[in-house]
Amino acid sequence: RVALSAVAAETARGARVAPRNDTERCIAAVWAEILKVDDVGVTDNFFDLGGHSLKATRIMSQLRKRLDVDLPLKVLFENPTVGGLAREALARPRRAPGTATEPALIRRDRSAYARPVPADETLRADRSE
């Protein structure tokens, strides 16, 4: 089954177009690493190479780190080639290196909220009626 999918992917790829810039080279390297494919070209389709949603999540996480750009997961599904993803990455502003992609978590004082009632107290209250 794995051998058949590899042959199908190779057939679907057709003529390979090598990455043309640093962004495409970075994306191709991440795809090769995560999809366990030796040679990824600009026109190769993520799904034809064996990609799925879990691998897409890993790829986008790596690209955020390596390219310092925030790309939502849906960008990969809408642009499933190295070239399409590179265009999207180049069109977005770069983050300052080392900055968080999400806001920092802030501790809140929860003492003003009602405390949860343990289930056994609720059961005792129901039985006493």
Protein backbone atom coordinates (compact mmCIF):
# COMPACT_ATOMS: atom_id res chain seq x y z
CA ARG A 1 0.00 0.00 0.00
CA VAL A 2 2.81 2.41 0.89
CA ALA A 3 4.69 1.48 -2.27
CA LEU A 4 1.58 2.13 -4.37
CA SER A 5 1.03 5.56 -2.82
CA ALA A 6 4.68 6.44 -3.48
CA VAL A 7 4.33 5.41 -7.14
CA ALA A 8 1.04 7.35 -7.46
CA ALA A 9 2.65 10.44 -5.92
CA GLU A 10 5.63 10.18 -8.27
CA THR A 11 3.33 9.87 -11.29
CA ALA A 12 1.20 12.82 -10.17
CA ARG A 13 4.28 15.00 -9.67
CA GLY A 14 5.32 15.02 -13.31
CA ALA A 15 8.26 17.28 -14.17
CA ARG A 16 9.93 18.61 -11.05
CA VAL A 17 10.46 22.35 -10.63
CA ALA A 18 13.26 23.08 -8.16
CA PRO A 19 12.71 25.69 -5.41
CA ARG A 20 13.69 29.12 -6.73
CA ASN A 21 14.25 31.18 -3.56
CA ASP A 22 15.03 30.79 0.13
CA THR A 23 11.36 30.68 1.15
CA GLU A 24 10.57 27.89 -1.30
CA ARG A 25 13.72 26.01 -0.24
CA CYS A 26 12.70 26.27 3.42
CA ILE A 27 9.15 25.06 2.75
CA ALA A 28 10.41 22.19 0.56
CA ALA A 29 12.86 21.14 3.29
CA VAL A 30 10.12 21.12 5.95
CA TRP A 31 7.81 19.10 3.68
CA ALA A 32 10.60 16.61 2.89
CA GLU A 33 11.35 16.21 6.59
CA ILE A 34 7.76 15.75 7.78
CA LEU A 35 6.36 13.91 4.77
CA LYS A 36 9.50 11.75 4.54
CA VAL A 37 9.97 12.50 0.85
CA ASP A 38 13.42 12.89 -0.69
CA ASP A 39 12.85 15.51 -3.35
CA VAL A 40 10.10 18.15 -3.12
CA GLY A 41 9.49 20.52 -6.01
CA VAL A 42 7.63 23.83 -6.23
CA THR A 43 4.58 22.34 -7.97
CA ASP A 44 4.29 19.23 -5.79
CA ASN A 45 0.93 18.90 -4.06
CA PHE A 46 0.94 18.39 -0.29
CA PHE A 47 -1.87 15.82 -0.43
CA ASP A 48 -0.35 13.87 -3.34
CA LEU A 49 2.81 13.49 -1.25
CA GLY A 50 0.85 11.84 1.56
CA GLY A 51 -0.07 14.93 3.56
CA HIS A 52 -3.06 15.05 5.91
CA SER A 53 -4.35 17.36 8.65
CA LEU A 54 -1.97 16.19 11.39
CA LYS A 55 1.06 16.59 9.17
CA ALA A 56 -0.28 19.96 8.00
CA THR A 57 -0.33 21.13 11.61
CA ARG A 58 3.27 20.03 12.14
CA ILE A 59 4.38 21.69 8.91
CA MET A 60 2.72 25.01 9.72
CA SER A 61 4.26 24.97 13.20
CA GLN A 62 7.74 24.46 11.72
CA LEU A 63 7.20 27.18 9.12
CA ARG A 64 6.15 29.65 11.83
CA LYS A 65 9.43 28.96 13.61
CA ARG A 66 11.70 28.93 10.58
CA LEU A 67 10.17 31.74 8.51
CA ASP A 68 9.00 33.98 11.38
CA VAL A 69 5.62 34.43 9.71
CA ASP A 70 2.15 33.62 11.01
CA LEU A 71 0.30 31.41 8.55
CA PRO A 72 -3.09 29.96 9.50
CA LEU A 73 -3.56 26.25 8.84
CA LYS A 74 -6.19 26.95 6.18
CA VAL A 75 -3.51 28.61 4.00
CA LEU A 76 -1.94 25.20 3.38
CA PHE A 77 -5.30 23.69 2.44
CA GLU A 78 -6.02 26.58 0.05
CA ASN A 79 -2.47 26.59 -1.39
CA PRO A 80 -1.28 22.97 -1.28
CA THR A 81 1.92 23.48 -3.28
CA VAL A 82 5.31 24.75 -2.19
CA GLY A 83 5.00 27.66 -4.63
CA GLY A 84 1.53 28.66 -3.44
CA LEU A 85 2.51 28.48 0.20
CA ALA A 86 5.67 30.49 -0.48
CA ARG A 87 3.62 33.23 -2.19
CA GLU A 88 1.38 33.44 0.88
CA ALA A 89 4.35 33.51 3.25
CA LEU A 90 6.07 36.27 1.27
CA ALA A 91 2.87 38.35 1.17
CA ARG A 92 2.57 38.41 4.97
CA PRO A 93 4.58 40.55 7.38
CA ARG A 94 7.42 38.88 9.26
CA ARG A 95 7.34 38.63 13.03
CA ALA A 96 10.23 39.98 15.00
CA PRO A 97 12.48 36.97 15.74
CA GLY A 98 11.76 35.44 19.12
CA THR A 99 8.33 37.03 19.58
CA ALA A 100 5.42 34.87 20.61
CA THR A 101 2.72 34.06 18.08
CA GLU A 102 0.04 34.08 20.77
CA PRO A 103 -0.52 36.60 23.55
CA ALA A 104 0.98 35.66 26.90
CA LEU A 105 -1.29 33.92 29.39
CA ILE A 106 -2.40 36.21 32.20
CA ARG A 107 -3.22 34.88 35.65
CA ARG A 108 -6.62 36.10 36.85
CA ASP A 109 -7.95 36.26 40.39
CA ARG A 110 -10.78 33.73 40.52
CA SER A 111 -11.72 34.23 44.18
CA ALA A 112 -14.78 36.30 43.23
CA TYR A 113 -16.29 33.38 41.32
CA ALA A 114 -18.59 30.89 43.01
CA ARG A 115 -16.83 27.73 44.05
CA PRO A 116 -17.94 24.52 42.35
CA VAL A 117 -20.18 22.30 44.44
CA PRO A 118 -18.87 18.74 44.80
CA ALA A 119 -21.23 16.13 43.36
CA ASP A 120 -21.78 14.39 46.70
CA GLU A 121 -23.14 17.62 48.27
CA THR A 122 -25.59 17.98 45.39
CA LEU A 123 -26.77 14.42 45.85
CA ARG A 124 -27.31 14.91 49.61
CA ALA A 125 -29.33 18.06 48.96
CA ASP A 126 -31.56 16.21 46.47
CA ARG A 127 -32.22 13.33 48.88
CA SER A 128 -33.17 15.54 51.82
CA GLU A 129 -36.24 16.93 50.05
